[in-house]
PDB file of all heavy atoms in Angstrom:
ATOM      1  N   ARG A   1     120.914 246.323  23.543  1.00  0.00           N
ATOM      2  CA  ARG A   1     120.463 244.988  23.915  1.00  0.00           C
ATOM      3  C   ARG A   1     119.769 244.404  22.690  1.00  0.00           C
ATOM      4  O   ARG A   1     118.748 244.915  22.252  1.00  0.00           O
ATOM      5  CB  ARG A   1     119.501 245.013  25.083  1.00  0.00           C
ATOM      6  CG  ARG A   1     118.943 243.602  25.418  1.00  0.00           C
ATOM      7  CD  ARG A   1     117.849 243.620  26.464  1.00  0.00           C
ATOM      8  NE  ARG A   1     118.400 243.838  27.776  1.00  0.00           N
ATOM      9  CZ  ARG A   1     117.944 244.736  28.651  1.00  0.00           C
ATOM     10  NH1 ARG A   1     116.933 245.504  28.350  1.00  0.00           N
ATOM     11  NH2 ARG A   1     118.517 244.852  29.821  1.00  0.00           N
ATOM     12  N   ARG A   2     120.336 243.382  22.085  1.00  0.00           N
ATOM     13  CA  ARG A   2     119.805 242.784  20.842  1.00  0.00           C
ATOM     14  C   ARG A   2     119.518 243.855  19.781  1.00  0.00           C
ATOM     15  O   ARG A   2     118.488 243.820  19.130  1.00  0.00           O
ATOM     16  CB  ARG A   2     118.579 241.973  21.157  1.00  0.00           C
ATOM     17  CG  ARG A   2     118.857 240.723  21.945  1.00  0.00           C
ATOM     18  CD  ARG A   2     117.590 239.888  22.120  1.00  0.00           C
ATOM     19  NE  ARG A   2     117.630 239.248  23.402  1.00  0.00           N
ATOM     20  CZ  ARG A   2     116.861 239.586  24.440  1.00  0.00           C
ATOM     21  NH1 ARG A   2     115.963 240.520  24.333  1.00  0.00           N
ATOM     22  NH2 ARG A   2     116.997 238.971  25.581  1.00  0.00           N
ATOM     23  N   GLY A   3     120.425 244.823  19.669  1.00  0.00           N
ATOM     24  CA  GLY A   3     120.298 245.873  18.671  1.00  0.00           C
ATOM     25  C   GLY A   3     119.463 247.074  19.072  1.00  0.00           C
ATOM     26  O   GLY A   3     119.433 248.065  18.364  1.00  0.00           O
ATOM     27  N   GLU A   4     118.781 246.992  20.205  1.00  0.00           N
ATOM     28  CA  GLU A   4     117.938 248.112  20.679  1.00  0.00           C
ATOM     29  C   GLU A   4     118.678 248.900  21.754  1.00  0.00           C
ATOM     30  O   GLU A   4     119.280 248.320  22.656  1.00  0.00           O
ATOM     31  CB  GLU A   4     116.627 247.592  21.271  1.00  0.00           C
ATOM     32  CG  GLU A   4     115.747 246.855  20.276  1.00  0.00           C
ATOM     33  CD  GLU A   4     115.215 247.777  19.196  1.00  0.00           C
ATOM     34  OE1 GLU A   4     114.823 248.924  19.522  1.00  0.00           O
ATOM     35  OE2 GLU A   4     115.165 247.348  18.033  1.00  0.00           O
ATOM     36  N   ALA A   5     118.631 250.214  21.664  1.00  0.00           N
ATOM     37  CA  ALA A   5     119.336 251.076  22.620  1.00  0.00           C
ATOM     38  C   ALA A   5     118.741 250.951  24.018  1.00  0.00           C
ATOM     39  O   ALA A   5     117.528 250.869  24.183  1.00  0.00           O
ATOM     40  CB  ALA A   5     119.260 252.533  22.151  1.00  0.00           C
ATOM     41  N   VAL A   6     119.620 250.896  24.992  1.00  0.00           N
ATOM     42  CA  VAL A   6     119.252 250.911  26.397  1.00  0.00           C
ATOM     43  C   VAL A   6     119.620 252.276  26.940  1.00  0.00           C
ATOM     44  O   VAL A   6     120.770 252.712  26.811  1.00  0.00           O
ATOM     45  CB  VAL A   6     120.025 249.809  27.189  1.00  0.00           C
ATOM     46  CG1 VAL A   6     119.717 249.888  28.680  1.00  0.00           C
ATOM     47  CG2 VAL A   6     119.689 248.429  26.623  1.00  0.00           C
ATOM     48  N   ALA A   7     118.662 252.963  27.531  1.00  0.00           N
ATOM     49  CA  ALA A   7     118.908 254.306  28.067  1.00  0.00           C
ATOM     50  C   ALA A   7     119.839 254.231  29.272  1.00  0.00           C
ATOM     51  O   ALA A   7     119.554 253.540  30.253  1.00  0.00           O
ATOM     52  CB  ALA A   7     117.599 254.971  28.447  1.00  0.00           C
ATOM     53  N   LEU A   8     120.957 254.951  29.188  1.00  0.00           N
ATOM     54  CA  LEU A   8     121.890 255.066  30.300  1.00  0.00           C
ATOM     55  C   LEU A   8     122.313 256.515  30.460  1.00  0.00           C
ATOM     56  O   LEU A   8     122.575 257.195  29.450  1.00  0.00           O
ATOM     57  CB  LEU A   8     123.171 254.243  30.038  1.00  0.00           C
ATOM     58  CG  LEU A   8     123.107 252.751  29.997  1.00  0.00           C
ATOM     59  CD1 LEU A   8     124.501 252.159  29.707  1.00  0.00           C
ATOM     60  CD2 LEU A   8     122.575 252.189  31.298  1.00  0.00           C
ATOM     61  N   THR A   9     122.376 256.966  31.682  1.00  0.00           N
ATOM     62  CA  THR A   9     122.920 258.303  31.933  1.00  0.00           C
ATOM     63  C   THR A   9     124.439 258.227  31.674  1.00  0.00           C
ATOM     64  O   THR A   9     125.020 257.152  31.668  1.00  0.00           O
ATOM     65  CB  THR A   9     122.658 258.749  33.379  1.00  0.00           C
ATOM     66  OG1 THR A   9     123.399 257.861  34.267  1.00  0.00           O
ATOM     67  CG2 THR A   9     121.191 258.740  33.709  1.00  0.00           C
ATOM     68  N   PRO A  10     125.076 259.380  31.506  1.00  0.00           N
ATOM     69  CA  PRO A  10     126.530 259.337  31.319  1.00  0.00           C
ATOM     70  C   PRO A  10     127.260 258.647  32.480  1.00  0.00           C
ATOM     71  O   PRO A  10     128.220 257.895  32.258  1.00  0.00           O
ATOM     72  CB  PRO A  10     126.909 260.828  31.241  1.00  0.00           C
ATOM     73  CG  PRO A  10     125.680 261.478  30.669  1.00  0.00           C
ATOM     74  CD  PRO A  10     124.530 260.724  31.284  1.00  0.00           C
ATOM     75  N   LYS A  11     126.827 258.858  33.706  1.00  0.00           N
ATOM     76  CA  LYS A  11     127.475 258.204  34.862  1.00  0.00           C
ATOM     77  C   LYS A  11     127.297 256.703  34.820  1.00  0.00           C
ATOM     78  O   LYS A  11     128.219 255.948  35.126  1.00  0.00           O
ATOM     79  CB  LYS A  11     126.913 258.778  36.155  1.00  0.00           C
ATOM     80  CG  LYS A  11     127.680 258.368  37.385  1.00  0.00           C
ATOM     81  CD  LYS A  11     129.092 258.911  37.419  1.00  0.00           C
ATOM     82  CE  LYS A  11     129.108 260.413  37.528  1.00  0.00           C
ATOM     83  NZ  LYS A  11     130.416 261.000  37.339  1.00  0.00           N
ATOM     84  N   LEU A  12     126.103 256.233  34.442  1.00  0.00           N
ATOM     85  CA  LEU A  12     125.873 254.782  34.336  1.00  0.00           C
ATOM     86  C   LEU A  12     126.734 254.190  33.232  1.00  0.00           C
ATOM     87  O   LEU A  12     127.301 253.112  33.389  1.00  0.00           O
ATOM     88  CB  LEU A  12     124.400 254.476  34.094  1.00  0.00           C
ATOM     89  CG  LEU A  12     123.460 254.777  35.237  1.00  0.00           C
ATOM     90  CD1 LEU A  12     122.028 254.382  34.869  1.00  0.00           C
ATOM     91  CD2 LEU A  12     123.877 254.111  36.526  1.00  0.00           C
ATOM     92  N   PHE A  13     126.842 254.890  32.124  1.00  0.00           N
ATOM     93  CA  PHE A  13     127.700 254.412  31.011  1.00  0.00           C
ATOM     94  C   PHE A  13     129.140 254.295  31.487  1.00  0.00           C
ATOM     95  O   PHE A  13     129.808 253.271  31.249  1.00  0.00           O
ATOM     96  CB  PHE A  13     127.603 255.328  29.800  1.00  0.00           C
ATOM     97  CG  PHE A  13     128.431 254.849  28.646  1.00  0.00           C
ATOM     98  CD1 PHE A  13     127.892 253.978  27.728  1.00  0.00           C
ATOM     99  CD2 PHE A  13     129.779 255.213  28.529  1.00  0.00           C
ATOM    100  CE1 PHE A  13     128.696 253.490  26.669  1.00  0.00           C
ATOM    101  CE2 PHE A  13     130.560 254.741  27.496  1.00  0.00           C
ATOM    102  CZ  PHE A  13     130.005 253.868  26.557  1.00  0.00           C
ATOM    103  N   ASP A  14     129.636 255.323  32.155  1.00  0.00           N
ATOM    104  CA  ASP A  14     131.038 255.322  32.610  1.00  0.00           C
ATOM    105  C   ASP A  14     131.268 254.196  33.635  1.00  0.00           C
ATOM    106  O   ASP A  14     132.327 253.562  33.631  1.00  0.00           O
ATOM    107  CB  ASP A  14     131.411 256.661  33.248  1.00  0.00           C
ATOM    108  CG  ASP A  14     131.498 257.790  32.233  1.00  0.00           C
ATOM    109  OD1 ASP A  14     131.616 257.488  31.011  1.00  0.00           O
ATOM    110  OD2 ASP A  14     131.440 258.961  32.632  1.00  0.00           O
ATOM    111  N   THR A  15     130.282 253.963  34.477  1.00  0.00           N
ATOM    112  CA  THR A  15     130.399 252.873  35.469  1.00  0.00           C
ATOM    113  C   THR A  15     130.472 251.544  34.773  1.00  0.00           C
ATOM    114  O   THR A  15     131.342 250.711  35.073  1.00  0.00           O
ATOM    115  CB  THR A  15     129.207 252.916  36.440  1.00  0.00           C
ATOM    116  OG1 THR A  15     129.131 254.198  37.050  1.00  0.00           O
ATOM    117  CG2 THR A  15     129.336 251.835  37.506  1.00  0.00           C
ATOM    118  N   LEU A  16     129.568 251.316  33.831  1.00  0.00           N
ATOM    119  CA  LEU A  16     129.553 250.056  33.092  1.00  0.00           C
ATOM    120  C   LEU A  16     130.853 249.869  32.325  1.00  0.00           C
ATOM    121  O   LEU A  16     131.458 248.797  32.346  1.00  0.00           O
ATOM    122  CB  LEU A  16     128.354 250.012  32.138  1.00  0.00           C
ATOM    123  CG  LEU A  16     128.242 248.755  31.270  1.00  0.00           C
ATOM    124  CD1 LEU A  16     128.150 247.483  32.126  1.00  0.00           C
ATOM    125  CD2 LEU A  16     127.035 248.866  30.343  1.00  0.00           C
ATOM    126  N   LEU A  17     131.310 250.910  31.685  1.00  0.00           N
ATOM    127  CA  LEU A  17     132.552 250.835  30.909  1.00  0.00           C
ATOM    128  C   LEU A  17     133.735 250.451  31.815  1.00  0.00           C
ATOM    129  O   LEU A  17     134.525 249.567  31.464  1.00  0.00           O
ATOM    130  CB  LEU A  17     132.839 252.154  30.188  1.00  0.00           C
ATOM    131  CG  LEU A  17     134.109 252.211  29.360  1.00  0.00           C
ATOM    132  CD1 LEU A  17     134.094 251.163  28.256  1.00  0.00           C
ATOM    133  CD2 LEU A  17     134.288 253.593  28.771  1.00  0.00           C
ATOM    134  N   HIS A  18     133.840 251.060  32.963  1.00  0.00           N
ATOM    135  CA  HIS A  18     134.925 250.745  33.888  1.00  0.00           C
ATOM    136  C   HIS A  18     134.852 249.290  34.344  1.00  0.00           C
ATOM    137  O   HIS A  18     135.854 248.581  34.350  1.00  0.00           O
ATOM    138  CB  HIS A  18     134.889 251.677  35.107  1.00  0.00           C
ATOM    139  CG  HIS A  18     136.103 251.560  35.947  1.00  0.00           C
ATOM    140  ND1 HIS A  18     137.243 252.305  35.718  1.00  0.00           N
ATOM    141  CD2 HIS A  18     136.365 250.773  37.019  1.00  0.00           C
ATOM    142  CE1 HIS A  18     138.153 251.954  36.606  1.00  0.00           C
ATOM    143  NE2 HIS A  18     137.650 251.038  37.420  1.00  0.00           N
ATOM    144  N   LEU A  19     133.657 248.828  34.689  1.00  0.00           N
ATOM    145  CA  LEU A  19     133.510 247.438  35.117  1.00  0.00           C
ATOM    146  C   LEU A  19     133.826 246.478  33.991  1.00  0.00           C
ATOM    147  O   LEU A  19     134.490 245.459  34.210  1.00  0.00           O
ATOM    148  CB  LEU A  19     132.074 247.206  35.633  1.00  0.00           C
ATOM    149  CG  LEU A  19     131.749 247.878  36.981  1.00  0.00           C
ATOM    150  CD1 LEU A  19     130.258 247.783  37.242  1.00  0.00           C
ATOM    151  CD2 LEU A  19     132.548 247.258  38.110  1.00  0.00           C
ATOM    152  N   VAL A  20     133.346 246.756  32.793  1.00  0.00           N
ATOM    153  CA  VAL A  20     133.571 245.870  31.651  1.00  0.00           C
ATOM    154  C   VAL A  20     135.062 245.833  31.291  1.00  0.00           C
ATOM    155  O   VAL A  20     135.616 244.755  31.047  1.00  0.00           O
ATOM    156  CB  VAL A  20     132.710 246.305  30.450  1.00  0.00           C
ATOM    157  CG1 VAL A  20     133.173 245.636  29.155  1.00  0.00           C
ATOM    158  CG2 VAL A  20     131.245 245.984  30.705  1.00  0.00           C
ATOM    159  N   GLN A  21     135.695 246.966  31.295  1.00  0.00           N
ATOM    160  CA  GLN A  21     137.134 247.025  30.945  1.00  0.00           C
ATOM    161  C   GLN A  21     137.989 246.301  31.976  1.00  0.00           C
ATOM    162  O   GLN A  21     139.116 245.916  31.685  1.00  0.00           O
ATOM    163  CB  GLN A  21     137.597 248.447  30.757  1.00  0.00           C
ATOM    164  CG  GLN A  21     137.066 249.095  29.521  1.00  0.00           C
ATOM    165  CD  GLN A  21     137.472 250.546  29.370  1.00  0.00           C
ATOM    166  OE1 GLN A  21     137.640 251.264  30.355  1.00  0.00           O
ATOM    167  NE2 GLN A  21     137.623 250.985  28.144  1.00  0.00           N
ATOM    168  N   ASN A  22     137.468 246.149  33.179  1.00  0.00           N
ATOM    169  CA  ASN A  22     138.187 245.488  34.264  1.00  0.00           C
ATOM    170  C   ASN A  22     137.481 244.210  34.719  1.00  0.00           C
ATOM    171  O   ASN A  22     137.562 243.847  35.896  1.00  0.00           O
ATOM    172  CB  ASN A  22     138.336 246.473  35.434  1.00  0.00           C
ATOM    173  CG  ASN A  22     139.205 247.633  35.055  1.00  0.00           C
ATOM    174  OD1 ASN A  22     140.420 247.527  35.036  1.00  0.00           O
ATOM    175  ND2 ASN A  22     138.596 248.767  34.748  1.00  0.00           N
ATOM    176  N   HIS A  23     136.827 243.538  33.796  1.00  0.00           N
ATOM    177  CA  HIS A  23     135.990 242.394  34.130  1.00  0.00           C
ATOM    178  C   HIS A  23     136.757 241.220  34.734  1.00  0.00           C
ATOM    179  O   HIS A  23     136.174 240.364  35.358  1.00  0.00           O
ATOM    180  CB  HIS A  23     135.215 241.920  32.882  1.00  0.00           C
ATOM    181  CG  HIS A  23     136.098 241.321  31.838  1.00  0.00           C
ATOM    182  ND1 HIS A  23     136.782 242.096  30.936  1.00  0.00           N
ATOM    183  CD2 HIS A  23     136.408 240.043  31.569  1.00  0.00           C
ATOM    184  CE1 HIS A  23     137.475 241.303  30.141  1.00  0.00           C
ATOM    185  NE2 HIS A  23     137.266 240.048  30.504  1.00  0.00           N
ATOM    186  N   ASP A  24     138.043 241.225  34.563  1.00  0.00           N
ATOM    187  CA  ASP A  24     138.855 240.091  35.050  1.00  0.00           C
ATOM    188  C   ASP A  24     139.289 240.241  36.516  1.00  0.00           C
ATOM    189  O   ASP A  24     140.035 239.426  37.017  1.00  0.00           O
ATOM    190  CB  ASP A  24     140.077 239.908  34.160  1.00  0.00           C
ATOM    191  CG  ASP A  24     140.908 241.184  34.051  1.00  0.00           C
ATOM    192  OD1 ASP A  24     140.397 242.266  34.354  1.00  0.00           O
ATOM    193  OD2 ASP A  24     142.100 241.081  33.664  1.00  0.00           O
ATOM    194  N   ARG A  25     138.796 241.269  37.216  1.00  0.00           N
ATOM    195  CA  ARG A  25     139.191 241.485  38.583  1.00  0.00           C
ATOM    196  C   ARG A  25     138.112 242.234  39.359  1.00  0.00           C
ATOM    197  O   ARG A  25     137.190 242.785  38.765  1.00  0.00           O
ATOM    198  CB  ARG A  25     140.501 242.253  38.652  1.00  0.00           C
ATOM    199  CG  ARG A  25     140.388 243.664  38.086  1.00  0.00           C
ATOM    200  CD  ARG A  25     141.706 244.414  38.159  1.00  0.00           C
ATOM    201  NE  ARG A  25     141.542 245.781  37.746  1.00  0.00           N
ATOM    202  CZ  ARG A  25     141.135 246.759  38.531  1.00  0.00           C
ATOM    203  NH1 ARG A  25     140.839 246.532  39.792  1.00  0.00           N
ATOM    204  NH2 ARG A  25     141.039 248.007  38.086  1.00  0.00           N
ATOM    205  N   VAL A  26     138.277 242.297  40.681  1.00  0.00           N
ATOM    206  CA  VAL A  26     137.362 243.079  41.530  1.00  0.00           C
ATOM    207  C   VAL A  26     137.771 244.541  41.412  1.00  0.00           C
ATOM    208  O   VAL A  26     138.956 244.872  41.542  1.00  0.00           O
ATOM    209  CB  VAL A  26     137.463 242.615  43.000  1.00  0.00           C
ATOM    210  CG1 VAL A  26     136.641 243.517  43.902  1.00  0.00           C
ATOM    211  CG2 VAL A  26     137.008 241.180  43.133  1.00  0.00           C
ATOM    212  N   CYS A  27     136.790 245.400  41.173  1.00  0.00           N
ATOM    213  CA  CYS A  27     137.034 246.842  41.195  1.00  0.00           C
ATOM    214  C   CYS A  27     136.707 247.332  42.592  1.00  0.00           C
ATOM    215  O   CYS A  27     135.559 247.236  43.040  1.00  0.00           O
ATOM    216  CB  CYS A  27     136.150 247.548  40.167  1.00  0.00           C
ATOM    217  SG  CYS A  27     136.553 247.125  38.469  1.00  0.00           S
ATOM    218  N   GLU A  28     137.732 247.814  43.282  1.00  0.00           N
ATOM    219  CA  GLU A  28     137.554 248.291  44.647  1.00  0.00           C
ATOM    220  C   GLU A  28     136.639 249.525  44.649  1.00  0.00           C
ATOM    221  O   GLU A  28     136.637 250.316  43.699  1.00  0.00           O
ATOM    222  CB  GLU A  28     138.912 248.626  45.257  1.00  0.00           C
ATOM    223  CG  GLU A  28     139.917 247.505  45.248  1.00  0.00           C
ATOM    224  CD  GLU A  28     139.627 246.415  46.247  1.00  0.00           C
ATOM    225  OE1 GLU A  28     138.924 246.684  47.261  1.00  0.00           O
ATOM    226  OE2 GLU A  28     140.066 245.277  46.012  1.00  0.00           O
ATOM    227  N   LYS A  29     135.883 249.705  45.725  1.00  0.00           N
ATOM    228  CA  LYS A  29     134.969 250.841  45.834  1.00  0.00           C
ATOM    229  C   LYS A  29     135.702 252.170  45.679  1.00  0.00           C
ATOM    230  O   LYS A  29     135.250 253.049  44.947  1.00  0.00           O
ATOM    231  CB  LYS A  29     134.249 250.809  47.187  1.00  0.00           C
ATOM    232  CG  LYS A  29     133.263 249.656  47.315  1.00  0.00           C
ATOM    233  CD  LYS A  29     132.625 249.649  48.684  1.00  0.00           C
ATOM    234  CE  LYS A  29     131.699 248.432  48.806  1.00  0.00           C
ATOM    235  NZ  LYS A  29     131.048 248.389  50.116  1.00  0.00           N
ATOM    236  N   GLU A  30     136.843 252.313  46.371  1.00  0.00           N
ATOM    237  CA  GLU A  30     137.598 253.557  46.293  1.00  0.00           C
ATOM    238  C   GLU A  30     138.059 253.830  44.853  1.00  0.00           C
ATOM    239  O   GLU A  30     138.021 254.964  44.394  1.00  0.00           O
ATOM    240  CB  GLU A  30     138.786 253.428  47.250  1.00  0.00           C
ATOM    241  CG  GLU A  30     139.311 254.682  47.879  1.00  0.00           C
ATOM    242  CD  GLU A  30     138.290 255.692  48.371  1.00  0.00           C
ATOM    243  OE1 GLU A  30     137.413 255.359  49.189  1.00  0.00           O
ATOM    244  OE2 GLU A  30     138.408 256.843  47.926  1.00  0.00           O
TER     245      GLU A  30
END
């Protein structure tokens, strides 16, 4: 965030990455 690291667990990182890579659509819960 503005060049400063934001602490994320590996699971949070993976969740964010999945959402960001699919930002153009709804990611179903399943």
